[in-house]
């Protein structure tokens, strides 16, 4: 990862923070062209009840409707957390370029298990198990720690006793 990658990745983590502060789940993503132009960004919007309102899916759908196939192939999606299988599939089907993530699905699954959070309704597969031709980079340790803190805060707000006796944070 170079300096530009880290800048865009930090922006995705900031979007995740905005999502948490808006009462949503802390995930954020940024779509960047091959020429390093930010085209679109979004955060999770599942709080209203539609659990498919992930930013990675929204960016893939936007790209399909607004970018040529060649431009999509050169683009990068920067995201606070590795894509779920639904978003990985959309990314692959739309033909977007690489994915750069701050924290991995494996990390998130480990944190959730450690905190006693309920498991995801969807198996947390790595991007390349769903979309094998997509190039991925991540996690990024410093930003992964920020994502961990955001996730921890979300679960605290949901009533999990994270940080209490017998837990490690």
N, C-alpha and C. Protein backbone atom coordinates (compact mmCIF):
# COMPACT_ATOMS: atom_id res chain seq x y z
N UNK A 1 0.84 -1.18 0.00
CA UNK A 1 0.00 0.00 0.00
C UNK A 1 0.88 1.24 0.00
N UNK A 2 0.50 2.18 -0.85
CA UNK A 2 1.26 3.42 -0.88
C UNK A 2 0.51 4.52 -0.13
N UNK A 3 1.08 5.72 -0.16
CA UNK A 3 0.50 6.84 0.59
C UNK A 3 -0.92 7.17 0.14
N UNK A 4 -1.18 7.11 -1.16
CA UNK A 4 -2.53 7.39 -1.68
C UNK A 4 -3.52 6.33 -1.19
N UNK A 5 -3.09 5.07 -1.21
CA UNK A 5 -3.95 4.00 -0.71
C UNK A 5 -4.32 4.26 0.75
N UNK A 6 -3.34 4.61 1.55
CA UNK A 6 -3.60 4.85 2.97
C UNK A 6 -4.53 6.04 3.17
N UNK A 7 -4.39 7.07 2.34
CA UNK A 7 -5.27 8.24 2.43
C UNK A 7 -6.73 7.84 2.16
N UNK A 8 -6.96 7.08 1.09
CA UNK A 8 -8.32 6.66 0.75
C UNK A 8 -8.87 5.67 1.77
N UNK A 9 -8.00 4.81 2.26
CA UNK A 9 -8.43 3.85 3.28
C UNK A 9 -8.83 4.56 4.57
N UNK A 10 -8.06 5.59 4.95
CA UNK A 10 -8.42 6.38 6.13
C UNK A 10 -9.77 7.07 5.93
N UNK A 11 -10.05 7.52 4.71
CA UNK A 11 -11.35 8.14 4.42
C UNK A 11 -12.48 7.12 4.59
N UNK A 12 -12.24 5.88 4.20
CA UNK A 12 -13.25 4.83 4.36
C UNK A 12 -13.51 4.57 5.85
N UNK A 13 -12.47 4.58 6.65
CA UNK A 13 -12.64 4.38 8.09
C UNK A 13 -13.39 5.56 8.70
N UNK A 14 -13.13 6.76 8.21
CA UNK A 14 -13.87 7.93 8.70
C UNK A 14 -15.35 7.82 8.35
N UNK A 15 -15.66 7.31 7.17
CA UNK A 15 -17.06 7.07 6.80
C UNK A 15 -17.70 6.04 7.74
N UNK A 16 -16.93 5.04 8.13
CA UNK A 16 -17.43 4.06 9.10
C UNK A 16 -17.76 4.75 10.42
N UNK A 17 -16.90 5.66 10.83
CA UNK A 17 -17.14 6.42 12.06
C UNK A 17 -18.42 7.25 11.93
N UNK A 18 -18.62 7.88 10.78
CA UNK A 18 -19.84 8.64 10.53
C UNK A 18 -21.07 7.74 10.62
N UNK A 19 -20.96 6.54 10.07
CA UNK A 19 -22.06 5.60 10.15
C UNK A 19 -22.42 5.28 11.60
N UNK A 20 -21.42 5.01 12.41
CA UNK A 20 -21.65 4.70 13.82
C UNK A 20 -22.32 5.88 14.52
N UNK A 21 -21.83 7.07 14.27
CA UNK A 21 -22.40 8.26 14.91
C UNK A 21 -23.83 8.53 14.44
N UNK A 22 -24.18 8.06 13.26
CA UNK A 22 -25.55 8.22 12.74
C UNK A 22 -26.47 7.09 13.22
N UNK A 23 -25.93 6.19 14.06
CA UNK A 23 -26.74 5.10 14.59
C UNK A 23 -26.75 3.86 13.71
N UNK A 24 -25.80 3.78 12.81
CA UNK A 24 -25.73 2.65 11.90
C UNK A 24 -24.50 1.80 12.22
N UNK A 25 -24.29 0.77 11.43
CA UNK A 25 -23.10 -0.06 11.61
C UNK A 25 -21.89 0.64 11.02
N UNK A 26 -20.72 0.49 11.63
CA UNK A 26 -19.53 1.23 11.20
C UNK A 26 -18.78 0.57 10.03
N UNK A 27 -19.27 0.83 8.84
CA UNK A 27 -18.60 0.41 7.62
C UNK A 27 -18.65 1.56 6.63
N UNK A 28 -17.55 1.80 5.94
CA UNK A 28 -17.52 2.86 4.93
C UNK A 28 -16.63 2.46 3.78
N UNK A 29 -16.94 3.01 2.59
CA UNK A 29 -16.20 2.66 1.37
C UNK A 29 -16.07 3.86 0.45
N UNK A 30 -14.99 3.85 -0.33
CA UNK A 30 -14.68 4.92 -1.27
C UNK A 30 -14.32 4.29 -2.61
N UNK A 31 -14.93 4.79 -3.70
CA UNK A 31 -14.64 4.33 -5.06
C UNK A 31 -13.73 5.35 -5.73
N UNK A 32 -12.56 4.89 -6.19
CA UNK A 32 -11.53 5.76 -6.75
C UNK A 32 -11.15 5.26 -8.14
N UNK A 33 -11.03 6.19 -9.09
CA UNK A 33 -10.66 5.84 -10.46
C UNK A 33 -9.19 5.42 -10.53
N UNK A 34 -8.83 4.90 -11.68
CA UNK A 34 -7.43 4.56 -11.94
C UNK A 34 -6.52 5.78 -11.94
N UNK A 35 -7.11 6.97 -12.10
CA UNK A 35 -6.36 8.24 -12.06
C UNK A 35 -6.41 8.89 -10.69
N UNK A 36 -6.85 8.14 -9.68
CA UNK A 36 -6.88 8.57 -8.29
C UNK A 36 -7.93 9.66 -8.00
N UNK A 37 -9.01 9.66 -8.76
CA UNK A 37 -10.11 10.60 -8.52
C UNK A 37 -11.19 9.88 -7.72
N UNK A 38 -11.60 10.49 -6.62
CA UNK A 38 -12.69 9.92 -5.83
C UNK A 38 -14.00 10.18 -6.57
N UNK A 39 -14.68 9.10 -6.94
CA UNK A 39 -15.95 9.22 -7.66
C UNK A 39 -17.16 9.20 -6.75
N UNK A 40 -17.08 8.38 -5.73
CA UNK A 40 -18.25 8.17 -4.88
C UNK A 40 -17.79 7.59 -3.56
N UNK A 41 -18.54 7.85 -2.53
CA UNK A 41 -18.27 7.24 -1.22
C UNK A 41 -19.59 7.04 -0.51
N UNK A 42 -19.60 6.10 0.42
CA UNK A 42 -20.83 5.80 1.13
C UNK A 42 -20.47 5.09 2.43
N UNK A 43 -21.50 4.95 3.27
CA UNK A 43 -21.36 4.23 4.53
C UNK A 43 -22.54 3.28 4.65
N UNK A 44 -22.46 2.39 5.62
CA UNK A 44 -23.56 1.44 5.85
C UNK A 44 -24.85 2.20 6.15
N UNK A 45 -25.96 1.66 5.66
CA UNK A 45 -27.27 2.28 5.88
C UNK A 45 -28.31 1.19 6.20
N UNK A 46 -27.92 0.25 7.04
CA UNK A 46 -28.80 -0.88 7.36
C UNK A 46 -29.73 -0.62 8.55
N UNK A 47 -29.53 0.47 9.26
CA UNK A 47 -30.30 0.71 10.49
C UNK A 47 -31.81 0.78 10.25
N UNK A 48 -32.23 1.15 9.05
CA UNK A 48 -33.66 1.25 8.76
C UNK A 48 -34.30 -0.11 8.52
N UNK A 49 -33.49 -1.18 8.50
CA UNK A 49 -34.06 -2.51 8.38
C UNK A 49 -33.67 -3.29 7.13
N UNK A 50 -33.10 -2.63 6.13
CA UNK A 50 -32.66 -3.34 4.92
C UNK A 50 -31.19 -3.70 5.10
N UNK A 51 -30.93 -4.95 5.49
CA UNK A 51 -29.56 -5.38 5.77
C UNK A 51 -28.69 -5.56 4.54
N UNK A 52 -29.21 -5.24 3.36
CA UNK A 52 -28.39 -5.28 2.15
C UNK A 52 -27.82 -3.91 1.80
N UNK A 53 -28.08 -2.90 2.59
CA UNK A 53 -27.63 -1.54 2.27
C UNK A 53 -26.18 -1.32 2.70
N UNK A 54 -25.30 -2.11 2.14
CA UNK A 54 -23.87 -2.00 2.40
C UNK A 54 -23.26 -1.01 1.42
N UNK A 55 -22.25 -0.24 1.84
CA UNK A 55 -21.66 0.73 0.93
C UNK A 55 -20.96 0.09 -0.27
N UNK A 56 -20.38 -1.09 -0.07
CA UNK A 56 -19.67 -1.75 -1.18
C UNK A 56 -20.65 -2.15 -2.28
N UNK A 57 -21.84 -2.61 -1.90
CA UNK A 57 -22.87 -2.96 -2.87
C UNK A 57 -23.36 -1.71 -3.58
N UNK A 58 -23.60 -0.63 -2.83
CA UNK A 58 -24.07 0.63 -3.42
C UNK A 58 -23.04 1.16 -4.43
N UNK A 59 -21.76 1.07 -4.11
CA UNK A 59 -20.73 1.55 -5.03
C UNK A 59 -20.66 0.68 -6.29
N UNK A 60 -20.80 -0.62 -6.13
CA UNK A 60 -20.79 -1.51 -7.30
C UNK A 60 -21.97 -1.21 -8.21
N UNK A 61 -23.13 -1.00 -7.62
CA UNK A 61 -24.32 -0.68 -8.42
C UNK A 61 -24.16 0.66 -9.13
N UNK A 62 -23.62 1.64 -8.42
CA UNK A 62 -23.39 2.96 -9.03
C UNK A 62 -22.41 2.83 -10.19
N UNK A 63 -21.32 2.09 -9.96
CA UNK A 63 -20.30 1.91 -10.99
C UNK A 63 -20.89 1.24 -12.24
N UNK A 64 -21.74 0.25 -12.04
CA UNK A 64 -22.35 -0.46 -13.18
C UNK A 64 -23.17 0.49 -14.05
N UNK A 65 -23.79 1.48 -13.42
CA UNK A 65 -24.65 2.41 -14.15
C UNK A 65 -23.95 3.67 -14.64
N UNK A 66 -22.74 3.94 -14.16
CA UNK A 66 -22.11 5.22 -14.44
C UNK A 66 -20.68 5.15 -14.98
N UNK A 67 -20.12 3.97 -15.09
CA UNK A 67 -18.73 3.83 -15.55
C UNK A 67 -18.67 2.80 -16.66
N UNK A 68 -17.73 2.99 -17.57
CA UNK A 68 -17.50 1.99 -18.61
C UNK A 68 -16.84 0.77 -17.98
N UNK A 69 -16.89 -0.34 -18.68
CA UNK A 69 -16.23 -1.55 -18.19
C UNK A 69 -14.74 -1.35 -17.99
N UNK A 70 -14.10 -0.65 -18.92
CA UNK A 70 -12.66 -0.39 -18.79
C UNK A 70 -12.36 0.46 -17.56
N UNK A 71 -13.18 1.49 -17.33
CA UNK A 71 -12.97 2.36 -16.17
C UNK A 71 -13.19 1.59 -14.87
N UNK A 72 -14.20 0.72 -14.85
CA UNK A 72 -14.44 -0.08 -13.64
C UNK A 72 -13.25 -0.99 -13.35
N UNK A 73 -12.69 -1.57 -14.37
CA UNK A 73 -11.57 -2.50 -14.18
C UNK A 73 -10.34 -1.80 -13.59
N UNK A 74 -10.20 -0.50 -13.85
CA UNK A 74 -9.06 0.26 -13.33
C UNK A 74 -9.33 0.89 -11.97
N UNK A 75 -10.56 0.84 -11.51
CA UNK A 75 -10.95 1.48 -10.26
C UNK A 75 -10.55 0.64 -9.05
N UNK A 76 -10.52 1.30 -7.91
CA UNK A 76 -10.25 0.63 -6.63
C UNK A 76 -11.35 1.00 -5.65
N UNK A 77 -11.80 0.01 -4.88
CA UNK A 77 -12.72 0.27 -3.78
C UNK A 77 -11.92 0.12 -2.49
N UNK A 78 -11.89 1.21 -1.74
CA UNK A 78 -11.26 1.23 -0.43
C UNK A 78 -12.37 1.07 0.59
N UNK A 79 -12.16 0.18 1.55
CA UNK A 79 -13.24 -0.09 2.48
C UNK A 79 -12.71 -0.37 3.88
N UNK A 80 -13.51 0.02 4.87
CA UNK A 80 -13.08 -0.17 6.25
C UNK A 80 -13.00 -1.64 6.62
N UNK A 81 -13.87 -2.45 6.04
CA UNK A 81 -13.88 -3.88 6.32
C UNK A 81 -13.97 -4.67 5.03
N UNK A 82 -13.30 -5.80 5.00
CA UNK A 82 -13.35 -6.66 3.81
C UNK A 82 -14.79 -6.94 3.42
N UNK A 83 -15.06 -6.95 2.14
CA UNK A 83 -16.41 -7.19 1.62
C UNK A 83 -17.00 -8.49 2.15
N UNK A 84 -18.30 -8.46 2.41
CA UNK A 84 -19.03 -9.68 2.72
C UNK A 84 -19.25 -10.43 1.40
N UNK A 85 -19.73 -11.67 1.42
CA UNK A 85 -19.95 -12.41 0.18
C UNK A 85 -20.89 -11.70 -0.81
N UNK A 86 -21.94 -11.05 -0.32
CA UNK A 86 -22.86 -10.34 -1.22
C UNK A 86 -22.12 -9.23 -1.97
N UNK A 87 -21.34 -8.45 -1.24
CA UNK A 87 -20.63 -7.33 -1.84
C UNK A 87 -19.47 -7.81 -2.72
N UNK A 88 -18.81 -8.90 -2.31
CA UNK A 88 -17.75 -9.48 -3.14
C UNK A 88 -18.30 -9.92 -4.48
N UNK A 89 -19.46 -10.58 -4.45
CA UNK A 89 -20.09 -11.04 -5.70
C UNK A 89 -20.45 -9.86 -6.59
N UNK A 90 -21.03 -8.82 -6.01
CA UNK A 90 -21.38 -7.63 -6.80
C UNK A 90 -20.14 -7.01 -7.42
N UNK A 91 -19.08 -6.91 -6.65
CA UNK A 91 -17.81 -6.35 -7.12
C UNK A 91 -17.30 -7.16 -8.32
N UNK A 92 -17.32 -8.48 -8.16
CA UNK A 92 -16.86 -9.35 -9.25
C UNK A 92 -17.74 -9.28 -10.48
N UNK A 93 -19.06 -9.33 -10.29
CA UNK A 93 -19.98 -9.29 -11.43
C UNK A 93 -19.89 -7.98 -12.19
N UNK A 94 -19.68 -6.88 -11.49
CA UNK A 94 -19.62 -5.56 -12.13
C UNK A 94 -18.27 -5.34 -12.80
N UNK A 95 -17.26 -6.10 -12.38
CA UNK A 95 -15.94 -5.98 -13.00
C UNK A 95 -15.10 -4.84 -12.45
N UNK A 96 -15.31 -4.51 -11.17
CA UNK A 96 -14.47 -3.49 -10.55
C UNK A 96 -13.07 -4.05 -10.33
N UNK A 97 -12.11 -3.15 -10.23
CA UNK A 97 -10.71 -3.53 -10.00
C UNK A 97 -10.48 -3.98 -8.57
N UNK A 98 -9.37 -3.59 -8.04
CA UNK A 98 -8.95 -4.13 -6.74
C UNK A 98 -9.75 -3.58 -5.57
N UNK A 99 -9.64 -4.30 -4.47
CA UNK A 99 -10.22 -3.93 -3.20
C UNK A 99 -9.07 -3.76 -2.21
N UNK A 100 -9.10 -2.66 -1.48
CA UNK A 100 -8.13 -2.42 -0.41
C UNK A 100 -8.94 -2.24 0.87
N UNK A 101 -8.66 -3.06 1.88
CA UNK A 101 -9.46 -2.99 3.11
C UNK A 101 -8.59 -2.79 4.34
N UNK A 102 -9.20 -2.12 5.33
CA UNK A 102 -8.50 -1.86 6.59
C UNK A 102 -8.49 -3.08 7.49
N UNK A 103 -9.63 -3.76 7.59
CA UNK A 103 -9.73 -4.95 8.44
C UNK A 103 -10.35 -6.09 7.65
N UNK A 104 -9.94 -7.29 7.98
CA UNK A 104 -10.40 -8.47 7.24
C UNK A 104 -11.67 -9.07 7.87
N UNK A 105 -12.36 -9.87 7.08
CA UNK A 105 -13.53 -10.58 7.61
C UNK A 105 -13.09 -11.55 8.71
N UNK A 106 -11.92 -12.10 8.60
CA UNK A 106 -11.40 -13.00 9.65
C UNK A 106 -11.19 -12.23 10.95
N UNK A 107 -10.63 -11.02 10.85
CA UNK A 107 -10.46 -10.22 12.06
C UNK A 107 -11.80 -9.91 12.70
N UNK A 108 -12.76 -9.46 11.89
CA UNK A 108 -14.07 -9.11 12.41
C UNK A 108 -14.72 -10.32 13.09
N UNK A 109 -14.65 -11.47 12.45
CA UNK A 109 -15.24 -12.68 13.05
C UNK A 109 -14.59 -13.00 14.39
N UNK A 110 -13.28 -12.83 14.47
CA UNK A 110 -12.56 -13.07 15.73
C UNK A 110 -12.98 -12.11 16.82
N UNK A 111 -13.12 -10.83 16.46
CA UNK A 111 -13.55 -9.84 17.46
C UNK A 111 -14.95 -10.16 17.96
N UNK A 112 -15.85 -10.47 17.04
CA UNK A 112 -17.23 -10.77 17.43
C UNK A 112 -17.29 -11.98 18.36
N UNK A 113 -16.52 -13.01 18.05
CA UNK A 113 -16.49 -14.20 18.90
C UNK A 113 -15.92 -13.86 20.28
N UNK A 114 -14.87 -13.06 20.29
CA UNK A 114 -14.24 -12.65 21.55
C UNK A 114 -15.21 -11.88 22.43
N UNK A 115 -16.04 -11.05 21.82
CA UNK A 115 -16.97 -10.20 22.58
C UNK A 115 -18.29 -10.88 22.88
N UNK A 116 -18.50 -12.07 22.33
CA UNK A 116 -19.76 -12.76 22.56
C UNK A 116 -20.92 -12.21 21.75
N UNK A 117 -20.61 -11.57 20.64
CA UNK A 117 -21.64 -11.04 19.75
C UNK A 117 -22.26 -12.18 18.96
N UNK A 118 -23.50 -12.02 18.54
CA UNK A 118 -24.11 -13.08 17.73
C UNK A 118 -23.39 -13.23 16.40
N UNK A 119 -23.35 -14.44 15.86
CA UNK A 119 -22.68 -14.65 14.58
C UNK A 119 -23.45 -13.99 13.44
N UNK A 120 -22.74 -13.71 12.39
CA UNK A 120 -23.34 -13.13 11.18
C UNK A 120 -24.30 -14.15 10.56
N UNK A 121 -25.37 -13.69 9.90
CA UNK A 121 -26.27 -14.62 9.22
C UNK A 121 -25.67 -15.16 7.92
N UNK A 122 -24.54 -14.59 7.50
CA UNK A 122 -23.86 -15.00 6.27
C UNK A 122 -22.43 -15.39 6.62
N UNK A 123 -21.95 -16.48 6.04
CA UNK A 123 -20.59 -16.93 6.32
C UNK A 123 -19.59 -15.86 5.89
N UNK A 124 -18.65 -15.50 6.74
CA UNK A 124 -17.68 -14.44 6.43
C UNK A 124 -16.52 -14.97 5.56
N UNK A 125 -16.76 -15.09 4.29
CA UNK A 125 -15.74 -15.61 3.37
C UNK A 125 -14.81 -14.50 2.90
N UNK A 126 -13.54 -14.79 2.73
CA UNK A 126 -12.65 -13.81 2.13
C UNK A 126 -13.09 -13.48 0.70
N UNK A 127 -12.83 -12.28 0.26
CA UNK A 127 -13.23 -11.83 -1.08
C UNK A 127 -12.85 -12.85 -2.14
N UNK A 128 -11.62 -13.34 -2.12
CA UNK A 128 -11.14 -14.19 -3.20
C UNK A 128 -11.78 -15.56 -3.22
N UNK A 129 -12.48 -15.96 -2.16
CA UNK A 129 -13.24 -17.20 -2.22
C UNK A 129 -14.53 -17.01 -3.00
N UNK A 130 -15.01 -15.77 -3.07
CA UNK A 130 -16.24 -15.46 -3.79
C UNK A 130 -15.95 -14.91 -5.18
N UNK A 131 -14.96 -14.03 -5.28
CA UNK A 131 -14.59 -13.39 -6.54
C UNK A 131 -13.09 -13.58 -6.76
N UNK A 132 -12.69 -14.76 -7.24
CA UNK A 132 -11.27 -15.12 -7.28
C UNK A 132 -10.39 -14.26 -8.17
N UNK A 133 -10.96 -13.52 -9.10
CA UNK A 133 -10.14 -12.70 -10.00
C UNK A 133 -9.91 -11.29 -9.48
N UNK A 134 -10.51 -10.95 -8.35
CA UNK A 134 -10.36 -9.61 -7.80
C UNK A 134 -9.08 -9.55 -6.96
N UNK A 135 -8.25 -8.54 -7.26
CA UNK A 135 -7.03 -8.31 -6.47
C UNK A 135 -7.43 -7.64 -5.16
N UNK A 136 -6.86 -8.12 -4.06
CA UNK A 136 -7.17 -7.53 -2.75
C UNK A 136 -5.88 -7.20 -2.01
N UNK A 137 -5.96 -6.16 -1.19
CA UNK A 137 -4.87 -5.80 -0.29
C UNK A 137 -5.46 -5.49 1.06
N UNK A 138 -4.85 -5.98 2.08
CA UNK A 138 -5.31 -5.70 3.43
C UNK A 138 -5.06 -6.93 4.28
N UNK A 139 -5.23 -6.82 5.55
CA UNK A 139 -5.59 -5.62 6.28
C UNK A 139 -4.42 -4.67 6.49
N UNK A 140 -4.73 -3.48 6.96
CA UNK A 140 -3.73 -2.47 7.29
C UNK A 140 -3.77 -2.33 8.81
N UNK A 141 -2.71 -2.76 9.52
CA UNK A 141 -2.77 -2.91 10.98
C UNK A 141 -3.25 -1.68 11.76
N UNK A 142 -2.71 -0.52 11.47
CA UNK A 142 -3.10 0.67 12.24
C UNK A 142 -4.57 1.00 12.05
N UNK A 143 -5.05 0.95 10.83
CA UNK A 143 -6.45 1.25 10.57
C UNK A 143 -7.36 0.11 11.03
N UNK A 144 -6.88 -1.12 10.99
CA UNK A 144 -7.66 -2.24 11.51
C UNK A 144 -7.95 -2.03 12.98
N UNK A 145 -7.02 -1.49 13.71
CA UNK A 145 -7.24 -1.20 15.13
C UNK A 145 -8.34 -0.15 15.30
N UNK A 146 -8.37 0.84 14.43
CA UNK A 146 -9.44 1.85 14.48
C UNK A 146 -10.80 1.20 14.21
N UNK A 147 -10.83 0.31 13.23
CA UNK A 147 -12.08 -0.39 12.90
C UNK A 147 -12.52 -1.25 14.09
N UNK A 148 -11.58 -1.91 14.73
CA UNK A 148 -11.91 -2.72 15.91
C UNK A 148 -12.58 -1.86 16.98
N UNK A 149 -12.04 -0.68 17.22
CA UNK A 149 -12.62 0.21 18.23
C UNK A 149 -14.03 0.65 17.84
N UNK A 150 -14.25 0.93 16.55
CA UNK A 150 -15.58 1.32 16.10
C UNK A 150 -16.57 0.16 16.27
N UNK A 151 -16.15 -1.03 15.89
CA UNK A 151 -17.01 -2.21 16.06
C UNK A 151 -17.31 -2.45 17.54
N UNK A 152 -16.29 -2.31 18.36
CA UNK A 152 -16.47 -2.51 19.80
C UNK A 152 -17.50 -1.52 20.34
N UNK A 153 -17.39 -0.27 19.94
CA UNK A 153 -18.34 0.75 20.40
C UNK A 153 -19.76 0.43 19.94
N UNK A 154 -19.92 -0.03 18.70
CA UNK A 154 -21.25 -0.40 18.23
C UNK A 154 -21.84 -1.49 19.11
N UNK A 155 -21.06 -2.53 19.42
CA UNK A 155 -21.57 -3.63 20.22
C UNK A 155 -21.81 -3.22 21.67
N UNK A 156 -21.01 -2.29 22.17
CA UNK A 156 -21.29 -1.75 23.51
C UNK A 156 -22.64 -1.05 23.51
N UNK A 157 -22.89 -0.25 22.48
CA UNK A 157 -24.17 0.46 22.38
C UNK A 157 -25.34 -0.50 22.25
N UNK A 158 -25.08 -1.67 21.72
CA UNK A 158 -26.13 -2.69 21.60
C UNK A 158 -26.30 -3.51 22.87
N UNK A 159 -25.51 -3.20 23.88
CA UNK A 159 -25.70 -3.84 25.18
C UNK A 159 -24.75 -4.96 25.53
N UNK A 160 -23.77 -5.26 24.67
CA UNK A 160 -22.80 -6.30 25.04
C UNK A 160 -21.85 -5.75 26.09
N UNK A 161 -21.56 -6.53 27.13
CA UNK A 161 -20.67 -6.05 28.19
C UNK A 161 -19.19 -6.16 27.81
N UNK A 162 -18.82 -5.51 26.74
CA UNK A 162 -17.43 -5.56 26.27
C UNK A 162 -16.57 -4.73 27.20
N UNK A 163 -15.45 -5.30 27.59
CA UNK A 163 -14.52 -4.59 28.47
C UNK A 163 -14.76 -4.90 29.94
N UNK A 164 -15.74 -5.74 30.21
CA UNK A 164 -16.02 -6.10 31.59
C UNK A 164 -15.14 -7.26 32.04
N UNK A 165 -15.41 -7.80 33.23
CA UNK A 165 -14.62 -8.92 33.74
C UNK A 165 -14.62 -10.11 32.80
N UNK A 166 -13.47 -10.70 32.60
CA UNK A 166 -13.38 -11.91 31.79
C UNK A 166 -13.29 -11.65 30.30
N UNK A 167 -13.27 -10.39 29.88
CA UNK A 167 -13.16 -10.10 28.45
C UNK A 167 -11.83 -9.42 28.18
N UNK A 168 -11.37 -9.58 26.97
CA UNK A 168 -10.16 -8.86 26.55
C UNK A 168 -10.57 -7.87 25.47
N UNK A 169 -10.04 -6.70 25.57
CA UNK A 169 -10.39 -5.67 24.57
C UNK A 169 -9.13 -5.21 23.98
